[in-house]
Amino acid sequence: MIDKSNILIHEFMGLEVEVSKSTCRNLIGKKGRVVDETKNTIEIEKDGVTRTVPKRASTFRFRLPSGGSVEVEGRLIEYRPEDRPKRLMRHVRKVG
C-alpha cells in the first residue's frame, strides 16, 4: 500500500498529481494523472492534454489512493522509475 513513508519507491503511473512548486512558473498548479515517467521528467495528462514536467525543477503533490496527499521534491525522485526502488530502499527503511 502506498503511504507517506514509502511513496518514493512506488510506481507513480496512474496517481493524481499537482505541481505545487516549480522554477517554471507556468507549470505551478498544473494537475492531472501521471501517464509516463523518465529519469528527468513526469508526464501529466488532463482532458487529453499531456504536459511534460521536469523533476529537478519541481515539487509534486501526489494524491494517495487512501485519500491523503504527500509532497515530494523532484530532485529526490530523479531516477529511472525501474531504478528508484533499489536506490532509495535504504532511506525508506530508516524513515519507516
N, C-alpha and C. Protein backbone atom coordinates (compact mmCIF):
# COMPACT_ATOMS: atom_id res chain seq x y z
N MET A 1 0.84 -1.19 0.00
CA MET A 1 0.00 0.00 0.00
C MET A 1 0.88 1.25 0.00
N ILE A 2 0.52 2.20 -0.80
CA ILE A 2 1.28 3.44 -0.90
C ILE A 2 0.89 4.36 0.26
N ASP A 3 1.90 4.86 0.98
CA ASP A 3 1.65 5.85 2.02
C ASP A 3 2.81 6.85 2.05
N LYS A 4 2.76 7.79 2.97
CA LYS A 4 3.77 8.85 3.01
C LYS A 4 5.17 8.33 3.25
N SER A 5 5.29 7.22 3.97
CA SER A 5 6.62 6.72 4.32
C SER A 5 7.29 5.96 3.18
N ASN A 6 6.52 5.50 2.19
CA ASN A 6 7.14 4.69 1.12
C ASN A 6 6.81 5.18 -0.30
N ILE A 7 6.28 6.37 -0.43
CA ILE A 7 5.90 6.89 -1.76
C ILE A 7 7.08 6.93 -2.72
N LEU A 8 8.28 7.19 -2.21
CA LEU A 8 9.44 7.35 -3.09
C LEU A 8 9.80 6.09 -3.86
N ILE A 9 9.46 4.92 -3.33
CA ILE A 9 9.85 3.68 -4.02
C ILE A 9 8.72 3.09 -4.87
N HIS A 10 7.55 3.71 -4.84
CA HIS A 10 6.41 3.17 -5.58
C HIS A 10 6.31 3.72 -6.99
N GLU A 11 5.53 3.04 -7.78
CA GLU A 11 5.20 3.45 -9.15
C GLU A 11 4.26 4.65 -9.08
N PHE A 12 4.52 5.68 -9.87
CA PHE A 12 3.68 6.87 -9.90
C PHE A 12 2.60 6.81 -10.97
N MET A 13 2.74 5.92 -11.94
CA MET A 13 1.77 5.82 -13.03
C MET A 13 0.35 5.66 -12.48
N GLY A 14 -0.55 6.49 -12.96
CA GLY A 14 -1.94 6.41 -12.56
C GLY A 14 -2.31 7.26 -11.36
N LEU A 15 -1.32 7.76 -10.62
CA LEU A 15 -1.61 8.61 -9.47
C LEU A 15 -1.99 10.02 -9.92
N GLU A 16 -2.87 10.65 -9.16
CA GLU A 16 -3.20 12.05 -9.40
C GLU A 16 -2.07 12.90 -8.81
N VAL A 17 -1.67 13.94 -9.53
CA VAL A 17 -0.54 14.76 -9.11
C VAL A 17 -0.80 16.21 -9.45
N GLU A 18 -0.21 17.10 -8.65
CA GLU A 18 -0.26 18.54 -8.92
C GLU A 18 1.15 19.08 -8.75
N VAL A 19 1.53 20.01 -9.59
CA VAL A 19 2.83 20.68 -9.45
C VAL A 19 2.62 21.81 -8.44
N SER A 20 3.17 21.65 -7.23
CA SER A 20 2.95 22.65 -6.19
C SER A 20 3.99 23.77 -6.22
N LYS A 21 5.21 23.45 -6.66
CA LYS A 21 6.26 24.46 -6.80
C LYS A 21 7.07 24.13 -8.05
N SER A 22 7.59 25.16 -8.69
CA SER A 22 8.42 24.93 -9.86
C SER A 22 9.17 26.20 -10.22
N THR A 23 10.36 26.04 -10.78
CA THR A 23 11.08 27.20 -11.28
C THR A 23 10.43 27.70 -12.57
N CYS A 24 9.63 26.86 -13.22
CA CYS A 24 8.85 27.24 -14.40
C CYS A 24 7.47 27.67 -13.91
N ARG A 25 7.25 28.95 -13.79
CA ARG A 25 6.01 29.47 -13.19
C ARG A 25 4.74 28.98 -13.89
N ASN A 26 4.81 28.75 -15.18
CA ASN A 26 3.61 28.32 -15.91
C ASN A 26 3.22 26.88 -15.58
N LEU A 27 4.07 26.13 -14.88
CA LEU A 27 3.73 24.75 -14.50
C LEU A 27 3.06 24.67 -13.13
N ILE A 28 3.23 25.69 -12.30
CA ILE A 28 2.66 25.67 -10.95
C ILE A 28 1.14 25.58 -11.05
N GLY A 29 0.58 24.63 -10.30
CA GLY A 29 -0.87 24.43 -10.30
C GLY A 29 -1.37 23.44 -11.33
N LYS A 30 -0.52 23.03 -12.25
CA LYS A 30 -0.93 22.03 -13.25
C LYS A 30 -1.16 20.71 -12.55
N LYS A 31 -2.26 20.06 -12.88
CA LYS A 31 -2.57 18.78 -12.25
C LYS A 31 -3.18 17.83 -13.24
N GLY A 32 -3.17 16.57 -12.87
CA GLY A 32 -3.71 15.53 -13.72
C GLY A 32 -3.24 14.17 -13.25
N ARG A 33 -3.23 13.22 -14.17
CA ARG A 33 -2.84 11.84 -13.86
C ARG A 33 -1.48 11.58 -14.49
N VAL A 34 -0.60 10.90 -13.73
CA VAL A 34 0.72 10.55 -14.26
C VAL A 34 0.54 9.46 -15.31
N VAL A 35 0.99 9.74 -16.55
CA VAL A 35 0.86 8.77 -17.63
C VAL A 35 2.20 8.22 -18.10
N ASP A 36 3.30 8.89 -17.74
CA ASP A 36 4.62 8.38 -18.10
C ASP A 36 5.65 9.04 -17.20
N GLU A 37 6.79 8.36 -17.05
CA GLU A 37 7.87 8.88 -16.23
C GLU A 37 9.20 8.44 -16.81
N THR A 38 10.16 9.37 -16.82
CA THR A 38 11.53 9.05 -17.20
C THR A 38 12.42 9.47 -16.04
N LYS A 39 13.72 9.35 -16.23
CA LYS A 39 14.64 9.75 -15.17
C LYS A 39 14.46 11.23 -14.81
N ASN A 40 14.24 12.06 -15.80
CA ASN A 40 14.22 13.50 -15.58
C ASN A 40 12.85 14.17 -15.65
N THR A 41 11.82 13.45 -16.11
CA THR A 41 10.52 14.08 -16.30
C THR A 41 9.36 13.20 -15.83
N ILE A 42 8.24 13.87 -15.58
CA ILE A 42 6.96 13.20 -15.34
C ILE A 42 5.98 13.78 -16.35
N GLU A 43 5.22 12.92 -17.01
CA GLU A 43 4.20 13.39 -17.95
C GLU A 43 2.84 13.31 -17.26
N ILE A 44 2.14 14.44 -17.29
CA ILE A 44 0.84 14.57 -16.63
C ILE A 44 -0.22 14.79 -17.70
N GLU A 45 -1.31 14.02 -17.64
CA GLU A 45 -2.39 14.13 -18.63
C GLU A 45 -3.66 14.58 -17.94
N LYS A 46 -4.31 15.57 -18.57
CA LYS A 46 -5.62 16.02 -18.10
C LYS A 46 -6.41 16.50 -19.31
N ASP A 47 -7.62 16.00 -19.46
CA ASP A 47 -8.51 16.38 -20.56
C ASP A 47 -7.86 16.19 -21.92
N GLY A 48 -7.11 15.11 -22.07
CA GLY A 48 -6.49 14.79 -23.35
C GLY A 48 -5.22 15.56 -23.67
N VAL A 49 -4.81 16.45 -22.78
CA VAL A 49 -3.59 17.23 -22.98
C VAL A 49 -2.50 16.68 -22.06
N THR A 50 -1.34 16.37 -22.64
CA THR A 50 -0.23 15.84 -21.85
C THR A 50 0.85 16.90 -21.72
N ARG A 51 1.30 17.12 -20.48
CA ARG A 51 2.38 18.08 -20.22
C ARG A 51 3.58 17.33 -19.65
N THR A 52 4.75 17.69 -20.09
CA THR A 52 5.98 17.12 -19.58
C THR A 52 6.57 18.08 -18.56
N VAL A 53 6.78 17.59 -17.33
CA VAL A 53 7.26 18.42 -16.24
C VAL A 53 8.64 17.92 -15.79
N PRO A 54 9.64 18.80 -15.76
CA PRO A 54 10.96 18.38 -15.29
C PRO A 54 10.94 18.11 -13.78
N LYS A 55 11.51 16.99 -13.37
CA LYS A 55 11.51 16.63 -11.96
C LYS A 55 12.35 17.60 -11.13
N ARG A 56 13.57 17.85 -11.58
CA ARG A 56 14.52 18.65 -10.79
C ARG A 56 13.97 20.05 -10.48
N ALA A 57 13.22 20.62 -11.37
CA ALA A 57 12.75 22.00 -11.22
C ALA A 57 11.43 22.10 -10.47
N SER A 58 10.87 20.96 -10.00
CA SER A 58 9.51 20.98 -9.47
C SER A 58 9.36 20.23 -8.15
N THR A 59 8.31 20.58 -7.44
CA THR A 59 7.85 19.83 -6.27
C THR A 59 6.44 19.36 -6.60
N PHE A 60 6.17 18.09 -6.33
CA PHE A 60 4.90 17.48 -6.71
C PHE A 60 4.07 17.12 -5.48
N ARG A 61 2.76 17.31 -5.59
CA ARG A 61 1.84 16.85 -4.55
C ARG A 61 1.06 15.67 -5.13
N PHE A 62 1.39 14.47 -4.63
CA PHE A 62 0.73 13.25 -5.09
C PHE A 62 -0.47 12.96 -4.19
N ARG A 63 -1.59 12.60 -4.82
CA ARG A 63 -2.78 12.18 -4.08
C ARG A 63 -2.69 10.67 -3.90
N LEU A 64 -2.73 10.22 -2.66
CA LEU A 64 -2.60 8.81 -2.36
C LEU A 64 -3.93 8.09 -2.53
N PRO A 65 -3.90 6.80 -2.87
CA PRO A 65 -5.15 6.04 -3.01
C PRO A 65 -5.99 6.03 -1.73
N SER A 66 -5.33 6.19 -0.58
CA SER A 66 -6.04 6.20 0.70
C SER A 66 -6.78 7.51 0.94
N GLY A 67 -6.53 8.51 0.10
CA GLY A 67 -7.24 9.78 0.22
C GLY A 67 -6.37 10.93 0.68
N GLY A 68 -5.22 10.66 1.27
CA GLY A 68 -4.32 11.71 1.71
C GLY A 68 -3.48 12.22 0.55
N SER A 69 -2.55 13.09 0.87
CA SER A 69 -1.62 13.57 -0.15
C SER A 69 -0.25 13.76 0.48
N VAL A 70 0.76 13.79 -0.37
CA VAL A 70 2.14 13.96 0.09
C VAL A 70 2.90 14.78 -0.94
N GLU A 71 3.75 15.70 -0.45
CA GLU A 71 4.59 16.50 -1.34
C GLU A 71 5.95 15.85 -1.46
N VAL A 72 6.45 15.79 -2.69
CA VAL A 72 7.75 15.18 -2.97
C VAL A 72 8.56 16.14 -3.83
N GLU A 73 9.78 16.44 -3.38
CA GLU A 73 10.67 17.25 -4.19
C GLU A 73 11.17 16.42 -5.36
N GLY A 74 11.12 16.99 -6.54
CA GLY A 74 11.51 16.27 -7.74
C GLY A 74 12.93 15.75 -7.72
N ARG A 75 13.84 16.47 -7.08
CA ARG A 75 15.23 16.02 -7.04
C ARG A 75 15.39 14.71 -6.29
N LEU A 76 14.45 14.40 -5.38
CA LEU A 76 14.51 13.14 -4.62
C LEU A 76 14.11 11.94 -5.46
N ILE A 77 13.37 12.16 -6.54
CA ILE A 77 12.89 11.06 -7.37
C ILE A 77 13.53 11.07 -8.75
N GLU A 78 14.64 11.77 -8.86
CA GLU A 78 15.31 11.91 -10.15
C GLU A 78 16.13 10.66 -10.49
N TYR A 79 15.43 9.56 -10.63
CA TYR A 79 15.99 8.27 -11.04
C TYR A 79 15.07 7.68 -12.09
N ARG A 80 15.58 6.72 -12.85
CA ARG A 80 14.70 5.98 -13.74
C ARG A 80 13.70 5.24 -12.86
N PRO A 81 12.44 5.14 -13.27
CA PRO A 81 11.42 4.50 -12.43
C PRO A 81 11.81 3.10 -11.98
N GLU A 82 12.47 2.34 -12.86
CA GLU A 82 12.83 0.97 -12.50
C GLU A 82 14.02 0.91 -11.55
N ASP A 83 14.81 1.98 -11.45
CA ASP A 83 15.97 2.01 -10.55
C ASP A 83 15.65 2.63 -9.19
N ARG A 84 14.62 3.45 -9.12
CA ARG A 84 14.30 4.19 -7.90
C ARG A 84 14.12 3.30 -6.68
N PRO A 85 13.37 2.19 -6.74
CA PRO A 85 13.21 1.36 -5.54
C PRO A 85 14.54 0.83 -5.00
N LYS A 86 15.41 0.38 -5.88
CA LYS A 86 16.71 -0.16 -5.44
C LYS A 86 17.56 0.92 -4.77
N ARG A 87 17.57 2.09 -5.34
CA ARG A 87 18.44 3.16 -4.84
C ARG A 87 17.90 3.82 -3.57
N LEU A 88 16.59 3.84 -3.41
CA LEU A 88 16.00 4.56 -2.27
C LEU A 88 15.54 3.66 -1.13
N MET A 89 15.59 2.36 -1.29
CA MET A 89 15.07 1.45 -0.28
C MET A 89 15.73 1.67 1.08
N ARG A 90 17.01 1.92 1.12
CA ARG A 90 17.69 2.11 2.41
C ARG A 90 17.18 3.36 3.13
N HIS A 91 16.81 4.41 2.39
CA HIS A 91 16.27 5.61 3.01
C HIS A 91 14.87 5.37 3.57
N VAL A 92 14.08 4.59 2.86
CA VAL A 92 12.71 4.28 3.31
C VAL A 92 12.76 3.47 4.59
N ARG A 93 13.68 2.54 4.69
CA ARG A 93 13.80 1.72 5.91
C ARG A 93 14.13 2.58 7.11
N LYS A 94 14.96 3.61 6.95
CA LYS A 94 15.32 4.50 8.05
C LYS A 94 14.12 5.32 8.51
N VAL A 95 13.32 5.78 7.56
CA VAL A 95 12.15 6.62 7.87
C VAL A 95 11.03 5.79 8.44
N GLY A 96 10.70 4.66 7.80
CA GLY A 96 9.56 3.83 8.17
C GLY A 96 9.83 2.97 9.28
